[in-house]
Amino acid sequence: ADMAIYPWIVQYDRHGQNLSDFPQLKRWF
């Protein structure tokens, strides 16, 4: 599950997202 999700979060800037808005996600990422 982690392996599947991680590569999609790598492109967070293209998604218009700021990882600092999601502290638990950022820590995991």
PDB file of all heavy atoms in Angstrom:
ATOM      1  N   ALA A   1       0.840  -1.205   0.000  1.00  0.00           N
ATOM      2  CA  ALA A   1       0.000   0.000   0.000  1.00  0.00           C
ATOM      3  C   ALA A   1       0.872   1.250   0.000  1.00  0.00           C
ATOM      4  O   ALA A   1       0.618   2.195  -0.765  1.00  0.00           O
ATOM      5  CB  ALA A   1      -0.936  -0.011   1.203  1.00  0.00           C
ATOM      6  N   ASP A   2       1.891   1.275   0.831  1.00  0.00           N
ATOM      7  CA  ASP A   2       2.806   2.422   0.854  1.00  0.00           C
ATOM      8  C   ASP A   2       3.532   2.567  -0.480  1.00  0.00           C
ATOM      9  O   ASP A   2       3.701   3.685  -0.985  1.00  0.00           O
ATOM     10  CB  ASP A   2       3.831   2.245   1.979  1.00  0.00           C
ATOM     11  CG  ASP A   2       3.187   2.140   3.345  1.00  0.00           C
ATOM     12  OD1 ASP A   2       2.793   3.177   3.904  1.00  0.00           O
ATOM     13  OD2 ASP A   2       3.061   1.010   3.849  1.00  0.00           O
ATOM     14  N   MET A   3       3.962   1.457  -1.035  1.00  0.00           N
ATOM     15  CA  MET A   3       4.679   1.497  -2.318  1.00  0.00           C
ATOM     16  C   MET A   3       3.798   2.035  -3.432  1.00  0.00           C
ATOM     17  O   MET A   3       4.278   2.734  -4.337  1.00  0.00           O
ATOM     18  CB  MET A   3       5.171   0.099  -2.679  1.00  0.00           C
ATOM     19  CG  MET A   3       6.135  -0.505  -1.692  1.00  0.00           C
ATOM     20  SD  MET A   3       6.586  -2.187  -2.204  1.00  0.00           S
ATOM     21  CE  MET A   3       7.112  -2.868  -0.629  1.00  0.00           C
ATOM     22  N   ALA A   4       2.513   1.695  -3.389  1.00  0.00           N
ATOM     23  CA  ALA A   4       1.592   2.151  -4.430  1.00  0.00           C
ATOM     24  C   ALA A   4       1.301   3.638  -4.314  1.00  0.00           C
ATOM     25  O   ALA A   4       1.174   4.350  -5.320  1.00  0.00           O
ATOM     26  CB  ALA A   4       0.292   1.351  -4.345  1.00  0.00           C
ATOM     27  N   ILE A   5       1.192   4.133  -3.089  1.00  0.00           N
ATOM     28  CA  ILE A   5       0.791   5.515  -2.858  1.00  0.00           C
ATOM     29  C   ILE A   5       1.946   6.496  -3.057  1.00  0.00           C
ATOM     30  O   ILE A   5       1.762   7.578  -3.646  1.00  0.00           O
ATOM     31  CB  ILE A   5       0.210   5.658  -1.442  1.00  0.00           C
ATOM     32  CG1 ILE A   5      -1.112   4.875  -1.341  1.00  0.00           C
ATOM     33  CG2 ILE A   5      -0.008   7.119  -1.069  1.00  0.00           C
ATOM     34  CD1 ILE A   5      -1.608   4.695   0.083  1.00  0.00           C
ATOM     35  N   TYR A   6       3.122   6.137  -2.603  1.00  0.00           N
ATOM     36  CA  TYR A   6       4.238   7.085  -2.563  1.00  0.00           C
ATOM     37  C   TYR A   6       4.526   7.769  -3.906  1.00  0.00           C
ATOM     38  O   TYR A   6       4.652   9.011  -3.950  1.00  0.00           O
ATOM     39  CB  TYR A   6       5.503   6.404  -2.026  1.00  0.00           C
ATOM     40  CG  TYR A   6       6.716   7.303  -2.064  1.00  0.00           C
ATOM     41  CD1 TYR A   6       6.948   8.227  -1.048  1.00  0.00           C
ATOM     42  CD2 TYR A   6       7.615   7.255  -3.126  1.00  0.00           C
ATOM     43  CE1 TYR A   6       8.039   9.083  -1.087  1.00  0.00           C
ATOM     44  CE2 TYR A   6       8.708   8.106  -3.173  1.00  0.00           C
ATOM     45  CZ  TYR A   6       8.918   9.015  -2.158  1.00  0.00           C
ATOM     46  OH  TYR A   6       9.989   9.856  -2.213  1.00  0.00           O
ATOM     47  N   PRO A   7       4.655   7.047  -5.026  1.00  0.00           N
ATOM     48  CA  PRO A   7       5.040   7.737  -6.268  1.00  0.00           C
ATOM     49  C   PRO A   7       4.028   8.787  -6.728  1.00  0.00           C
ATOM     50  O   PRO A   7       4.399   9.717  -7.451  1.00  0.00           O
ATOM     51  CB  PRO A   7       5.151   6.589  -7.287  1.00  0.00           C
ATOM     52  CG  PRO A   7       5.416   5.368  -6.459  1.00  0.00           C
ATOM     53  CD  PRO A   7       4.608   5.586  -5.217  1.00  0.00           C
ATOM     54  N   TRP A   8       2.779   8.633  -6.311  1.00  0.00           N
ATOM     55  CA  TRP A   8       1.792   9.643  -6.682  1.00  0.00           C
ATOM     56  C   TRP A   8       1.934  10.898  -5.843  1.00  0.00           C
ATOM     57  O   TRP A   8       1.666  12.014  -6.327  1.00  0.00           O
ATOM     58  CB  TRP A   8       0.385   9.051  -6.568  1.00  0.00           C
ATOM     59  CG  TRP A   8       0.111   8.104  -7.686  1.00  0.00           C
ATOM     60  CD1 TRP A   8       0.174   6.731  -7.659  1.00  0.00           C
ATOM     61  CD2 TRP A   8      -0.210   8.450  -9.034  1.00  0.00           C
ATOM     62  NE1 TRP A   8      -0.085   6.216  -8.899  1.00  0.00           N
ATOM     63  CE2 TRP A   8      -0.330   7.252  -9.766  1.00  0.00           C
ATOM     64  CE3 TRP A   8      -0.403   9.661  -9.697  1.00  0.00           C
ATOM     65  CZ2 TRP A   8      -0.646   7.227 -11.121  1.00  0.00           C
ATOM     66  CZ3 TRP A   8      -0.714   9.649 -11.052  1.00  0.00           C
ATOM     67  CH2 TRP A   8      -0.827   8.437 -11.740  1.00  0.00           C
ATOM     68  N   ILE A   9       2.367  10.782  -4.608  1.00  0.00           N
ATOM     69  CA  ILE A   9       2.562  11.960  -3.772  1.00  0.00           C
ATOM     70  C   ILE A   9       3.804  12.731  -4.194  1.00  0.00           C
ATOM     71  O   ILE A   9       3.899  13.948  -3.980  1.00  0.00           O
ATOM     72  CB  ILE A   9       2.641  11.557  -2.288  1.00  0.00           C
ATOM     73  CG1 ILE A   9       1.392  10.778  -1.871  1.00  0.00           C
ATOM     74  CG2 ILE A   9       2.818  12.785  -1.396  1.00  0.00           C
ATOM     75  CD1 ILE A   9       0.098  11.553  -1.985  1.00  0.00           C
ATOM     76  N   VAL A  10       4.773  12.056  -4.815  1.00  0.00           N
ATOM     77  CA  VAL A  10       5.994  12.723  -5.275  1.00  0.00           C
ATOM     78  C   VAL A  10       5.661  13.943  -6.138  1.00  0.00           C
ATOM     79  O   VAL A  10       6.369  14.958  -6.103  1.00  0.00           O
ATOM     80  CB  VAL A  10       6.886  11.731  -6.049  1.00  0.00           C
ATOM     81  CG1 VAL A  10       8.007  12.450  -6.787  1.00  0.00           C
ATOM     82  CG2 VAL A  10       7.473  10.690  -5.089  1.00  0.00           C
ATOM     83  N   GLN A  11       4.572  13.878  -6.873  1.00  0.00           N
ATOM     84  CA  GLN A  11       4.210  14.965  -7.784  1.00  0.00           C
ATOM     85  C   GLN A  11       3.260  15.979  -7.134  1.00  0.00           C
ATOM     86  O   GLN A  11       2.473  16.638  -7.821  1.00  0.00           O
ATOM     87  CB  GLN A  11       3.592  14.388  -9.053  1.00  0.00           C
ATOM     88  CG  GLN A  11       4.549  13.509  -9.837  1.00  0.00           C
ATOM     89  CD  GLN A  11       3.997  13.080 -11.180  1.00  0.00           C
ATOM     90  OE1 GLN A  11       2.832  13.298 -11.504  1.00  0.00           O
ATOM     91  NE2 GLN A  11       4.840  12.459 -11.987  1.00  0.00           N
ATOM     92  N   TYR A  12       3.348  16.137  -5.832  1.00  0.00           N
ATOM     93  CA  TYR A  12       2.401  17.005  -5.115  1.00  0.00           C
ATOM     94  C   TYR A  12       2.373  18.429  -5.656  1.00  0.00           C
ATOM     95  O   TYR A  12       1.329  19.095  -5.651  1.00  0.00           O
ATOM     96  CB  TYR A  12       2.707  17.012  -3.613  1.00  0.00           C
ATOM     97  CG  TYR A  12       4.048  17.586  -3.229  1.00  0.00           C
ATOM     98  CD1 TYR A  12       4.202  18.950  -2.999  1.00  0.00           C
ATOM     99  CD2 TYR A  12       5.166  16.768  -3.096  1.00  0.00           C
ATOM    100  CE1 TYR A  12       5.435  19.476  -2.648  1.00  0.00           C
ATOM    101  CE2 TYR A  12       6.402  17.287  -2.749  1.00  0.00           C
ATOM    102  CZ  TYR A  12       6.534  18.639  -2.523  1.00  0.00           C
ATOM    103  OH  TYR A  12       7.749  19.156  -2.189  1.00  0.00           O
ATOM    104  N   ASP A  13       3.522  18.930  -6.132  1.00  0.00           N
ATOM    105  CA  ASP A  13       3.526  20.298  -6.646  1.00  0.00           C
ATOM    106  C   ASP A  13       2.684  20.411  -7.907  1.00  0.00           C
ATOM    107  O   ASP A  13       1.981  21.415  -8.106  1.00  0.00           O
ATOM    108  CB  ASP A  13       4.958  20.778  -6.896  1.00  0.00           C
ATOM    109  CG  ASP A  13       5.752  19.858  -7.814  1.00  0.00           C
ATOM    110  OD1 ASP A  13       5.377  18.660  -7.942  1.00  0.00           O
ATOM    111  OD2 ASP A  13       6.737  20.319  -8.409  1.00  0.00           O
ATOM    112  N   ARG A  14       2.703  19.379  -8.743  1.00  0.00           N
ATOM    113  CA  ARG A  14       1.864  19.384  -9.941  1.00  0.00           C
ATOM    114  C   ARG A  14       0.386  19.241  -9.581  1.00  0.00           C
ATOM    115  O   ARG A  14      -0.482  19.585 -10.388  1.00  0.00           O
ATOM    116  CB  ARG A  14       2.288  18.271 -10.901  1.00  0.00           C
ATOM    117  CG  ARG A  14       3.679  18.487 -11.478  1.00  0.00           C
ATOM    118  CD  ARG A  14       4.028  17.449 -12.519  1.00  0.00           C
ATOM    119  NE  ARG A  14       5.384  17.648 -13.036  1.00  0.00           N
ATOM    120  CZ  ARG A  14       5.956  16.895 -13.962  1.00  0.00           C
ATOM    121  NH1 ARG A  14       5.290  15.866 -14.480  1.00  0.00           N
ATOM    122  NH2 ARG A  14       7.191  17.147 -14.371  1.00  0.00           N
ATOM    123  N   HIS A  15       0.117  18.723  -8.407  1.00  0.00           N
ATOM    124  CA  HIS A  15      -1.272  18.592  -7.947  1.00  0.00           C
ATOM    125  C   HIS A  15      -1.778  19.873  -7.299  1.00  0.00           C
ATOM    126  O   HIS A  15      -2.924  19.928  -6.855  1.00  0.00           O
ATOM    127  CB  HIS A  15      -1.397  17.454  -6.933  1.00  0.00           C
ATOM    128  CG  HIS A  15      -0.878  16.147  -7.421  1.00  0.00           C
ATOM    129  ND1 HIS A  15      -0.473  15.144  -6.571  1.00  0.00           N
ATOM    130  CD2 HIS A  15      -0.692  15.665  -8.678  1.00  0.00           C
ATOM    131  CE1 HIS A  15      -0.053  14.109  -7.275  1.00  0.00           C
ATOM    132  NE2 HIS A  15      -0.171  14.407  -8.550  1.00  0.00           N
ATOM    133  N   GLY A  16      -0.918  20.882  -7.205  1.00  0.00           N
ATOM    134  CA  GLY A  16      -1.319  22.130  -6.579  1.00  0.00           C
ATOM    135  C   GLY A  16      -1.439  22.030  -5.070  1.00  0.00           C
ATOM    136  O   GLY A  16      -2.231  22.760  -4.459  1.00  0.00           O
ATOM    137  N   GLN A  17      -0.632  21.148  -4.455  1.00  0.00           N
ATOM    138  CA  GLN A  17      -0.729  20.913  -3.018  1.00  0.00           C
ATOM    139  C   GLN A  17       0.558  21.323  -2.316  1.00  0.00           C
ATOM    140  O   GLN A  17       1.642  21.281  -2.904  1.00  0.00           O
ATOM    141  CB  GLN A  17      -1.016  19.435  -2.746  1.00  0.00           C
ATOM    142  CG  GLN A  17      -2.228  18.890  -3.467  1.00  0.00           C
ATOM    143  CD  GLN A  17      -3.511  19.635  -3.138  1.00  0.00           C
ATOM    144  OE1 GLN A  17      -3.760  19.956  -1.968  1.00  0.00           O
ATOM    145  NE2 GLN A  17      -4.331  19.907  -4.145  1.00  0.00           N
ATOM    146  N   ASN A  18       0.419  21.676  -1.045  1.00  0.00           N
ATOM    147  CA  ASN A  18       1.531  22.008  -0.169  1.00  0.00           C
ATOM    148  C   ASN A  18       1.573  20.960   0.929  1.00  0.00           C
ATOM    149  O   ASN A  18       0.641  20.864   1.741  1.00  0.00           O
ATOM    150  CB  ASN A  18       1.338  23.404   0.418  1.00  0.00           C
ATOM    151  CG  ASN A  18       2.493  23.848   1.290  1.00  0.00           C
ATOM    152  OD1 ASN A  18       3.368  23.048   1.654  1.00  0.00           O
ATOM    153  ND2 ASN A  18       2.509  25.119   1.654  1.00  0.00           N
ATOM    154  N   LEU A  19       2.643  20.186   0.972  1.00  0.00           N
ATOM    155  CA  LEU A  19       2.707  19.107   1.954  1.00  0.00           C
ATOM    156  C   LEU A  19       2.710  19.616   3.384  1.00  0.00           C
ATOM    157  O   LEU A  19       2.331  18.883   4.307  1.00  0.00           O
ATOM    158  CB  LEU A  19       3.941  18.227   1.708  1.00  0.00           C
ATOM    159  CG  LEU A  19       3.857  17.227   0.562  1.00  0.00           C
ATOM    160  CD1 LEU A  19       5.036  16.259   0.639  1.00  0.00           C
ATOM    161  CD2 LEU A  19       2.549  16.454   0.577  1.00  0.00           C
ATOM    162  N   SER A  20       3.109  20.853   3.598  1.00  0.00           N
ATOM    163  CA  SER A  20       3.092  21.400   4.956  1.00  0.00           C
ATOM    164  C   SER A  20       1.672  21.500   5.502  1.00  0.00           C
ATOM    165  O   SER A  20       1.476  21.595   6.722  1.00  0.00           O
ATOM    166  CB  SER A  20       3.754  22.776   4.981  1.00  0.00           C
ATOM    167  OG  SER A  20       5.135  22.666   4.655  1.00  0.00           O
ATOM    168  N   ASP A  21       0.685  21.484   4.606  1.00  0.00           N
ATOM    169  CA  ASP A  21      -0.714  21.488   5.042  1.00  0.00           C
ATOM    170  C   ASP A  21      -1.138  20.129   5.589  1.00  0.00           C
ATOM    171  O   ASP A  21      -2.227  20.015   6.167  1.00  0.00           O
ATOM    172  CB  ASP A  21      -1.638  21.869   3.881  1.00  0.00           C
ATOM    173  CG  ASP A  21      -1.413  23.293   3.397  1.00  0.00           C
ATOM    174  OD1 ASP A  21      -0.910  24.120   4.191  1.00  0.00           O
ATOM    175  OD2 ASP A  21      -1.734  23.572   2.230  1.00  0.00           O
ATOM    176  N   PHE A  22      -0.301  19.118   5.393  1.00  0.00           N
ATOM    177  CA  PHE A  22      -0.635  17.748   5.771  1.00  0.00           C
ATOM    178  C   PHE A  22       0.541  17.156   6.553  1.00  0.00           C
ATOM    179  O   PHE A  22       1.330  16.377   6.015  1.00  0.00           O
ATOM    180  CB  PHE A  22      -0.939  16.912   4.525  1.00  0.00           C
ATOM    181  CG  PHE A  22      -1.982  17.510   3.624  1.00  0.00           C
ATOM    182  CD1 PHE A  22      -1.613  18.277   2.519  1.00  0.00           C
ATOM    183  CD2 PHE A  22      -3.321  17.341   3.898  1.00  0.00           C
ATOM    184  CE1 PHE A  22      -2.573  18.840   1.696  1.00  0.00           C
ATOM    185  CE2 PHE A  22      -4.301  17.898   3.078  1.00  0.00           C
ATOM    186  CZ  PHE A  22      -3.921  18.659   1.977  1.00  0.00           C
ATOM    187  N   PRO A  23       0.703  17.520   7.808  1.00  0.00           N
ATOM    188  CA  PRO A  23       1.927  17.167   8.540  1.00  0.00           C
ATOM    189  C   PRO A  23       2.164  15.676   8.701  1.00  0.00           C
ATOM    190  O   PRO A  23       3.322  15.236   8.648  1.00  0.00           O
ATOM    191  CB  PRO A  23       1.729  17.843   9.905  1.00  0.00           C
ATOM    192  CG  PRO A  23       0.264  18.137  10.005  1.00  0.00           C
ATOM    193  CD  PRO A  23      -0.199  18.367   8.607  1.00  0.00           C
ATOM    194  N   GLN A  24       1.116  14.883   8.876  1.00  0.00           N
ATOM    195  CA  GLN A  24       1.319  13.439   9.014  1.00  0.00           C
ATOM    196  C   GLN A  24       1.727  12.817   7.676  1.00  0.00           C
ATOM    197  O   GLN A  24       2.609  11.951   7.613  1.00  0.00           O
ATOM    198  CB  GLN A  24       0.041  12.766   9.543  1.00  0.00           C
ATOM    199  CG  GLN A  24      -0.451  13.330  10.850  1.00  0.00           C
ATOM    200  CD  GLN A  24       0.590  13.278  11.947  1.00  0.00           C
ATOM    201  OE1 GLN A  24       1.393  12.347  12.028  1.00  0.00           O
ATOM    202  NE2 GLN A  24       0.588  14.289  12.803  1.00  0.00           N
ATOM    203  N   LEU A  25       1.097  13.284   6.625  1.00  0.00           N
ATOM    204  CA  LEU A  25       1.470  12.830   5.283  1.00  0.00           C
ATOM    205  C   LEU A  25       2.902  13.221   4.959  1.00  0.00           C
ATOM    206  O   LEU A  25       3.678  12.426   4.405  1.00  0.00           O
ATOM    207  CB  LEU A  25       0.501  13.421   4.261  1.00  0.00           C
ATOM    208  CG  LEU A  25       0.828  13.228   2.780  1.00  0.00           C
ATOM    209  CD1 LEU A  25       1.015  11.769   2.429  1.00  0.00           C
ATOM    210  CD2 LEU A  25      -0.253  13.865   1.915  1.00  0.00           C
ATOM    211  N   LYS A  26       3.284  14.439   5.306  1.00  0.00           N
ATOM    212  CA  LYS A  26       4.644  14.900   5.030  1.00  0.00           C
ATOM    213  C   LYS A  26       5.661  14.055   5.774  1.00  0.00           C
ATOM    214  O   LYS A  26       6.699  13.672   5.210  1.00  0.00           O
ATOM    215  CB  LYS A  26       4.789  16.364   5.425  1.00  0.00           C
ATOM    216  CG  LYS A  26       6.153  16.950   5.109  1.00  0.00           C
ATOM    217  CD  LYS A  26       6.231  18.429   5.480  1.00  0.00           C
ATOM    218  CE  LYS A  26       7.601  18.990   5.154  1.00  0.00           C
ATOM    219  NZ  LYS A  26       7.713  20.426   5.528  1.00  0.00           N
ATOM    220  N   ARG A  27       5.390  13.750   7.036  1.00  0.00           N
ATOM    221  CA  ARG A  27       6.307  12.912   7.821  1.00  0.00           C
ATOM    222  C   ARG A  27       6.471  11.545   7.186  1.00  0.00           C
ATOM    223  O   ARG A  27       7.588  11.039   7.018  1.00  0.00           O
ATOM    224  CB  ARG A  27       5.756  12.789   9.242  1.00  0.00           C
ATOM    225  CG  ARG A  27       6.604  11.971  10.209  1.00  0.00           C
ATOM    226  CD  ARG A  27       6.105  10.536  10.312  1.00  0.00           C
ATOM    227  NE  ARG A  27       4.686  10.494  10.598  1.00  0.00           N
ATOM    228  CZ  ARG A  27       3.949   9.412  10.360  1.00  0.00           C
ATOM    229  NH1 ARG A  27       4.474   8.328   9.807  1.00  0.00           N
ATOM    230  NH2 ARG A  27       2.656   9.415  10.652  1.00  0.00           N
ATOM    231  N   TRP A  28       5.363  10.927   6.782  1.00  0.00           N
ATOM    232  CA  TRP A  28       5.403   9.608   6.116  1.00  0.00           C
ATOM    233  C   TRP A  28       6.146   9.708   4.788  1.00  0.00           C
ATOM    234  O   TRP A  28       6.986   8.857   4.467  1.00  0.00           O
ATOM    235  CB  TRP A  28       3.970   9.125   5.897  1.00  0.00           C
ATOM    236  CG  TRP A  28       3.817   7.961   4.980  1.00  0.00           C
ATOM    237  CD1 TRP A  28       3.866   6.632   5.306  1.00  0.00           C
ATOM    238  CD2 TRP A  28       3.568   8.006   3.565  1.00  0.00           C
ATOM    239  NE1 TRP A  28       3.659   5.846   4.192  1.00  0.00           N
ATOM    240  CE2 TRP A  28       3.480   6.678   3.108  1.00  0.00           C
ATOM    241  CE3 TRP A  28       3.407   9.046   2.655  1.00  0.00           C
ATOM    242  CZ2 TRP A  28       3.241   6.361   1.773  1.00  0.00           C
ATOM    243  CZ3 TRP A  28       3.175   8.732   1.319  1.00  0.00           C
ATOM    244  CH2 TRP A  28       3.103   7.397   0.901  1.00  0.00           C
ATOM    245  N   PHE A  29       5.840  10.737   4.002  1.00  0.00           N
ATOM    246  CA  PHE A  29       6.444  10.915   2.687  1.00  0.00           C
ATOM    247  C   PHE A  29       7.963  11.016   2.794  1.00  0.00           C
ATOM    248  O   PHE A  29       8.697  10.384   2.020  1.00  0.00           O
ATOM    249  CB  PHE A  29       5.868  12.176   2.049  1.00  0.00           C
ATOM    250  CG  PHE A  29       6.460  12.530   0.719  1.00  0.00           C
ATOM    251  CD1 PHE A  29       6.110  11.839  -0.418  1.00  0.00           C
ATOM    252  CD2 PHE A  29       7.354  13.579   0.605  1.00  0.00           C
ATOM    253  CE1 PHE A  29       6.653  12.177  -1.660  1.00  0.00           C
ATOM    254  CE2 PHE A  29       7.901  13.926  -0.615  1.00  0.00           C
ATOM    255  CZ  PHE A  29       7.555  13.217  -1.748  1.00  0.00           C
TER     256      PHE A  29
END
